[in-house]
N, C-alpha and C. Protein backbone atom coordinates (compact mmCIF):
# COMPACT_ATOMS: atom_id res chain seq x y z
N MET A 1 0.71 -1.23 0.06
CA MET A 1 0.18 0.08 0.07
C MET A 1 0.82 1.41 -0.05
N ILE A 2 0.47 2.35 -0.74
CA ILE A 2 0.85 3.59 -0.70
C ILE A 2 0.66 4.52 0.57
N ASP A 3 1.40 5.05 0.90
CA ASP A 3 1.36 5.84 2.27
C ASP A 3 0.89 6.99 2.19
N PRO A 4 0.04 7.76 2.90
CA PRO A 4 0.04 9.30 2.19
C PRO A 4 1.24 10.35 2.23
N GLY A 5 1.42 10.86 0.93
CA GLY A 5 2.59 11.69 0.77
C GLY A 5 3.70 10.84 0.34
N GLU A 6 3.50 9.83 -0.16
CA GLU A 6 4.25 8.20 -0.57
C GLU A 6 3.76 8.40 -2.20
N THR A 7 5.85 8.17 -3.31
CA THR A 7 5.25 8.03 -4.24
C THR A 7 5.25 6.54 -4.41
N PRO A 8 4.48 5.76 -5.43
CA PRO A 8 4.81 4.36 -5.60
C PRO A 8 6.18 3.77 -5.47
N ARG A 9 7.30 4.11 -5.74
CA ARG A 9 8.99 4.08 -5.99
C ARG A 9 9.16 3.80 -4.45
N GLU A 10 8.50 5.12 -4.05
CA GLU A 10 9.25 4.98 -2.60
C GLU A 10 8.64 4.50 -1.55
N ALA A 11 7.30 4.12 -2.04
CA ALA A 11 6.56 2.69 -1.43
C ALA A 11 7.00 1.65 -1.79
N ALA A 12 7.56 1.37 -3.04
CA ALA A 12 8.06 0.36 -3.35
C ALA A 12 9.32 0.06 -2.35
N VAL A 13 10.37 1.18 -2.19
CA VAL A 13 11.54 0.76 -1.83
C VAL A 13 11.35 0.48 -0.09
N ARG A 14 10.02 0.97 0.54
CA ARG A 14 9.69 0.98 1.65
C ARG A 14 9.10 -0.47 2.17
N GLU A 15 8.50 -1.27 1.24
CA GLU A 15 8.24 -2.43 1.28
C GLU A 15 8.70 -3.51 1.24
N LEU A 16 9.67 -3.55 0.23
CA LEU A 16 11.23 -3.94 0.32
C LEU A 16 11.86 -4.57 1.41
N ARG A 17 12.04 -3.10 2.15
CA ARG A 17 12.83 -3.22 3.22
C ARG A 17 11.85 -3.56 4.76
N GLU A 18 10.99 -3.62 4.87
CA GLU A 18 9.47 -4.15 5.91
C GLU A 18 9.52 -5.62 5.65
N GLU A 19 9.33 -5.85 4.33
CA GLU A 19 8.83 -7.37 3.98
C GLU A 19 10.36 -8.35 3.63
N SER A 20 11.31 -7.42 3.37
CA SER A 20 12.64 -8.95 3.38
C SER A 20 13.56 -8.04 4.07
N GLY A 21 14.12 -6.81 4.83
CA GLY A 21 15.09 -6.45 5.38
C GLY A 21 16.09 -5.89 4.31
N GLN A 22 15.95 -5.45 3.37
CA GLN A 22 16.43 -5.25 2.04
C GLN A 22 16.27 -4.14 1.50
N LEU A 23 17.80 -3.77 1.03
CA LEU A 23 17.91 -2.02 -0.04
C LEU A 23 17.83 -2.33 -1.31
N PRO A 24 17.46 -1.49 -2.13
CA PRO A 24 18.22 -1.56 -3.19
C PRO A 24 19.45 -0.90 -3.44
N ALA A 25 19.78 -1.55 -4.45
CA ALA A 25 21.30 -1.66 -4.97
C ALA A 25 21.46 -0.09 -5.39
N GLY A 26 20.22 0.10 -6.17
CA GLY A 26 20.29 1.41 -6.47
C GLY A 26 18.93 2.02 -6.91
N GLU A 27 18.61 2.45 -7.74
CA GLU A 27 16.49 3.01 -8.30
C GLU A 27 16.13 2.57 -8.61
N LEU A 28 14.88 1.93 -8.06
CA LEU A 28 14.20 0.87 -8.47
C LEU A 28 13.80 1.53 -9.85
N ARG A 29 13.46 0.47 -11.20
CA ARG A 29 13.44 0.84 -12.44
C ARG A 29 11.34 0.43 -12.18
N PHE A 30 10.80 1.36 -12.56
CA PHE A 30 9.54 1.22 -13.40
C PHE A 30 9.50 0.04 -14.22
N THR A 31 8.41 -0.96 -14.06
CA THR A 31 8.11 -1.73 -15.25
C THR A 31 6.54 -2.33 -15.39
N GLY A 32 5.83 -1.50 -14.69
CA GLY A 32 4.50 -1.95 -15.32
C GLY A 32 3.29 -2.03 -14.02
N TYR A 33 2.04 -1.77 -14.55
CA TYR A 33 1.29 -1.97 -13.61
C TYR A 33 0.67 -3.39 -13.17
N ALA A 34 0.27 -4.08 -12.62
CA ALA A 34 -0.59 -5.10 -12.43
C ALA A 34 -2.13 -4.85 -11.74
N ARG A 35 -2.72 -5.88 -12.45
CA ARG A 35 -4.01 -5.74 -12.15
C ARG A 35 -4.10 -7.24 -11.49
N PHE A 36 -5.18 -7.67 -10.44
CA PHE A 36 -5.13 -8.83 -9.88
C PHE A 36 -6.30 -8.73 -8.94
N ALA A 37 -6.90 -9.82 -8.50
CA ALA A 37 -8.14 -10.23 -7.69
C ALA A 37 -7.61 -11.18 -6.40
N LEU A 38 -8.48 -10.45 -5.46
CA LEU A 38 -7.32 -10.63 -4.49
C LEU A 38 -8.86 -12.14 -3.61
N ALA A 39 -8.88 -13.19 -3.19
CA ALA A 39 -9.43 -13.84 -2.58
C ALA A 39 -9.99 -12.91 -1.22
N PRO A 40 -10.96 -13.56 -0.61
CA PRO A 40 -11.96 -14.47 -1.10
C PRO A 40 -13.20 -13.62 -1.78
N ASP A 41 -13.24 -12.10 -1.65
CA ASP A 41 -14.28 -11.52 -2.59
C ASP A 41 -13.67 -11.10 -3.44
N ARG A 42 -12.58 -11.56 -4.38
CA ARG A 42 -12.54 -11.55 -5.73
C ARG A 42 -11.94 -9.63 -5.81
N ARG A 43 -12.39 -8.40 -4.71
CA ARG A 43 -12.01 -7.47 -5.47
C ARG A 43 -10.75 -7.31 -6.57
N ALA A 44 -10.81 -6.32 -7.01
CA ALA A 44 -9.88 -6.01 -8.08
C ALA A 44 -8.94 -5.11 -7.29
N GLU A 45 -7.72 -5.33 -7.22
CA GLU A 45 -6.68 -4.41 -7.09
C GLU A 45 -5.34 -4.52 -7.96
N TYR A 46 -4.78 -3.06 -8.02
CA TYR A 46 -4.13 -2.49 -8.68
C TYR A 46 -2.29 -1.95 -7.80
N GLY A 47 -1.30 -2.44 -8.62
CA GLY A 47 -0.23 -2.48 -8.13
C GLY A 47 1.14 -1.92 -9.05
N ALA A 48 1.81 -1.21 -8.66
CA ALA A 48 2.75 -0.79 -9.54
C ALA A 48 3.81 -1.73 -9.11
N VAL A 49 4.89 -2.18 -10.16
CA VAL A 49 5.48 -3.18 -10.37
C VAL A 49 6.61 -2.65 -10.90
N PHE A 50 8.16 -2.56 -9.54
CA PHE A 50 9.43 -2.07 -10.16
C PHE A 50 10.41 -3.56 -9.93
N THR A 51 11.81 -3.04 -10.60
CA THR A 51 12.69 -4.13 -10.78
C THR A 51 13.62 -3.59 -9.98
N GLY A 52 14.53 -4.27 -9.71
CA GLY A 52 16.25 -3.80 -9.12
C GLY A 52 16.89 -4.75 -8.79
N ARG A 53 18.35 -4.29 -7.79
CA ARG A 53 18.96 -5.68 -7.82
C ARG A 53 19.06 -5.14 -5.78
N ALA A 54 19.11 -6.13 -5.07
CA ALA A 54 19.21 -5.85 -3.65
C ALA A 54 20.44 -5.69 -3.32
N ARG A 55 20.72 -4.97 -2.43
CA ARG A 55 21.91 -4.41 -1.83
C ARG A 55 22.79 -5.33 -1.42
N ASP A 56 22.73 -6.55 -0.47
CA ASP A 56 23.11 -7.57 -0.19
C ASP A 56 21.61 -8.15 -0.15
N PRO A 57 21.69 -9.78 -0.68
CA PRO A 57 20.53 -10.79 -0.58
C PRO A 57 21.41 -11.60 0.01
N SER A 58 22.36 -11.54 0.76
CA SER A 58 22.50 -12.53 1.58
C SER A 58 22.70 -12.11 2.90
N LEU A 59 21.86 -10.92 3.33
CA LEU A 59 21.29 -10.53 4.51
C LEU A 59 20.39 -12.12 5.38
N PRO A 60 20.28 -12.10 6.17
CA PRO A 60 19.43 -13.12 6.64
C PRO A 60 17.78 -12.61 6.68
N PHE A 61 16.64 -13.41 6.51
CA PHE A 61 15.42 -13.05 6.33
C PHE A 61 14.91 -13.12 7.50
N GLN A 62 14.32 -12.83 8.06
CA GLN A 62 13.49 -12.75 9.33
C GLN A 62 11.58 -12.45 8.69
N PRO A 63 10.85 -13.80 8.83
CA PRO A 63 9.83 -13.20 8.78
C PRO A 63 8.86 -12.60 9.46
N ASN A 64 7.49 -12.08 8.64
CA ASN A 64 6.84 -11.11 9.65
C ASN A 64 5.34 -11.16 9.43
N ASP A 65 4.70 -10.38 10.13
CA ASP A 65 3.40 -10.31 9.89
C ASP A 65 2.63 -10.54 8.71
N GLU A 66 3.34 -9.82 7.56
CA GLU A 66 3.23 -9.55 6.35
C GLU A 66 3.68 -10.74 5.28
N ILE A 67 4.93 -11.41 5.55
CA ILE A 67 5.67 -12.18 4.60
C ILE A 67 6.34 -13.28 5.69
N SER A 68 5.99 -14.70 5.28
CA SER A 68 6.77 -15.82 5.69
C SER A 68 8.11 -16.44 5.29
N ALA A 69 8.14 -15.97 4.12
CA ALA A 69 9.60 -16.66 3.23
C ALA A 69 9.87 -15.82 1.82
N VAL A 70 10.68 -15.65 1.34
CA VAL A 70 11.42 -15.19 0.09
C VAL A 70 11.73 -16.04 -1.01
N ARG A 71 12.18 -15.55 -1.71
CA ARG A 71 12.75 -16.78 -2.91
C ARG A 71 13.68 -15.36 -3.86
N TRP A 72 14.69 -15.16 -3.54
CA TRP A 72 15.72 -14.74 -4.78
C TRP A 72 15.73 -15.43 -6.65
N TRP A 73 15.38 -14.45 -7.22
CA TRP A 73 14.99 -15.06 -8.21
C TRP A 73 15.85 -14.39 -9.51
N ASP A 74 16.76 -15.22 -10.01
CA ASP A 74 17.68 -14.51 -11.16
C ASP A 74 17.45 -13.82 -12.33
N LEU A 75 15.69 -14.24 -13.07
CA LEU A 75 15.28 -13.42 -13.84
C LEU A 75 15.42 -14.94 -15.20
N ARG A 76 16.69 -16.34 -14.73
CA ARG A 76 17.04 -17.16 -15.84
C ARG A 76 16.22 -18.20 -15.78
N GLY A 77 16.63 -18.53 -14.52
CA GLY A 77 15.93 -19.98 -13.87
C GLY A 77 14.35 -20.13 -13.58
N ASP A 78 14.24 -21.08 -13.04
CA ASP A 78 12.66 -21.42 -12.81
C ASP A 78 12.72 -20.18 -11.30
N LEU A 79 10.91 -20.11 -11.90
CA LEU A 79 10.73 -19.21 -10.34
C LEU A 79 10.51 -19.57 -9.36
N ALA A 80 10.57 -21.34 -9.83
CA ALA A 80 10.70 -22.15 -8.04
C ALA A 80 11.89 -22.36 -8.20
N GLY A 81 12.70 -21.88 -7.09
CA GLY A 81 14.04 -22.41 -6.88
C GLY A 81 14.48 -22.11 -5.31
N PRO A 82 15.58 -21.28 -4.91
CA PRO A 82 15.95 -21.62 -3.63
C PRO A 82 15.29 -20.53 -3.22
N ALA A 83 14.94 -20.24 -1.82
CA ALA A 83 14.13 -20.02 -0.79
C ALA A 83 15.07 -19.77 0.35
N GLN A 84 15.21 -18.72 0.93
CA GLN A 84 15.69 -18.02 2.12
C GLN A 84 15.07 -18.71 3.34
N GLU A 85 15.31 -19.34 4.66
CA GLU A 85 14.84 -19.86 5.51
C GLU A 85 14.68 -18.59 6.58
N PRO A 86 14.06 -18.53 7.48
CA PRO A 86 14.53 -17.53 8.96
C PRO A 86 15.70 -17.39 9.25
N THR A 87 16.16 -19.09 8.90
CA THR A 87 17.84 -19.06 9.79
C THR A 87 18.45 -18.95 8.92
N GLY A 88 18.69 -18.51 7.59
CA GLY A 88 19.36 -17.58 6.60
C GLY A 88 20.09 -18.73 5.75
N THR A 89 19.63 -20.08 6.02
CA THR A 89 20.04 -21.23 4.77
C THR A 89 19.17 -21.43 3.63
N VAL A 90 19.67 -21.82 2.23
CA VAL A 90 19.04 -22.04 1.22
C VAL A 90 18.19 -23.10 1.25
N ARG A 91 17.24 -23.45 1.13
CA ARG A 91 16.66 -24.83 0.15
C ARG A 91 15.77 -24.57 -1.16
N THR A 92 16.27 -25.69 -1.89
CA THR A 92 15.22 -25.65 -2.89
C THR A 92 13.46 -25.18 -2.70
N VAL A 93 13.18 -24.69 -3.60
CA VAL A 93 11.54 -24.57 -3.16
C VAL A 93 11.30 -25.49 -4.19
N ALA A 94 10.20 -26.99 -4.02
CA ALA A 94 9.73 -27.52 -4.96
C ALA A 94 7.88 -26.96 -5.03
N GLU A 95 7.49 -26.49 -3.93
CA GLU A 95 5.84 -26.18 -3.77
C GLU A 95 5.56 -25.44 -4.91
N PRO A 96 4.09 -25.66 -5.66
CA PRO A 96 3.55 -24.70 -7.01
C PRO A 96 4.07 -23.11 -6.36
N VAL A 97 4.28 -22.36 -7.73
CA VAL A 97 4.11 -20.82 -6.96
C VAL A 97 2.64 -20.42 -7.44
N GLN A 98 2.42 -19.24 -6.46
CA GLN A 98 1.06 -18.53 -6.71
C GLN A 98 0.88 -17.85 -8.23
N ALA A 99 -0.07 -17.90 -8.85
CA ALA A 99 -0.63 -17.45 -9.92
C ALA A 99 -0.04 -16.10 -10.26
N LEU A 100 -0.44 -15.49 -8.78
CA LEU A 100 0.60 -14.03 -8.84
C LEU A 100 1.54 -13.36 -9.15
N ASP A 101 2.66 -14.36 -8.71
CA ASP A 101 3.86 -14.49 -8.87
C ASP A 101 4.59 -14.96 -10.29
N VAL A 102 3.48 -15.90 -11.14
CA VAL A 102 4.16 -15.83 -11.91
C VAL A 102 3.98 -14.52 -12.93
N TYR A 103 2.60 -14.07 -13.08
CA TYR A 103 2.15 -13.07 -13.39
C TYR A 103 3.31 -11.97 -13.43
N LEU A 104 3.33 -11.17 -12.36
CA LEU A 104 4.56 -10.21 -11.72
C LEU A 104 5.80 -10.80 -12.25
N ALA A 105 6.41 -12.07 -11.90
CA ALA A 105 7.83 -12.33 -12.71
C ALA A 105 7.87 -12.34 -14.53
N GLY A 106 6.57 -12.30 -15.10
CA GLY A 106 7.12 -12.48 -16.47
C GLY A 106 7.05 -10.99 -16.61
N LEU A 107 6.26 -9.90 -15.98
CA LEU A 107 6.25 -8.57 -16.08
C LEU A 107 7.89 -8.15 -15.93
N THR A 108 8.62 -8.74 -15.05
CA THR A 108 9.95 -8.33 -14.31
C THR A 108 10.80 -8.71 -15.75
N ARG A 109 10.86 -10.14 -15.62
CA ARG A 109 11.34 -10.47 -17.00
C ARG A 109 11.48 -9.81 -18.28
N THR A 110 10.45 -9.03 -18.82
CA THR A 110 10.35 -8.62 -20.31
C THR A 110 10.84 -7.47 -19.89
N ALA A 111 10.76 -7.07 -18.52
CA ALA A 111 11.31 -5.30 -18.24
C ALA A 111 12.85 -5.33 -18.52
N VAL A 112 13.58 -6.50 -18.36
CA VAL A 112 14.72 -6.66 -18.06
C VAL A 112 16.17 -6.15 -19.44
N ASP A 113 16.66 -5.38 -19.43
CA ASP A 113 17.95 -5.94 -20.72
C ASP A 113 18.58 -7.07 -20.32
N GLY A 114 18.77 -7.63 -21.20
CA GLY A 114 19.39 -8.64 -21.76
C GLY A 114 19.03 -10.02 -20.84
N VAL A 115 17.85 -9.79 -20.63
CA VAL A 115 17.28 -11.63 -19.83
C VAL A 115 16.23 -12.15 -21.10
């Protein structure tokens, strides 16, 4: 969510920090807008999508009330891949990926040069 007085890019940086403990290595790049429906009432939501690189993806992840796990993706391999556990260990994830994640990943992949 965008807080009052915040730009979409500022909200993306804040959400990245709050949900993953990460900061971007540089300015986030606007990729596009995503429209999706949230259950159970299927209400339409819209979000701005940004891409960027994490300043230090080796930092340990700490789950919180908004997110229980993170998965760093290099845009080249399968989206189901290494997931960072709260302990900082990395494991391979075989469980299905949410449809929204696949859609957002597709937007990201097409927006990054050279991929």
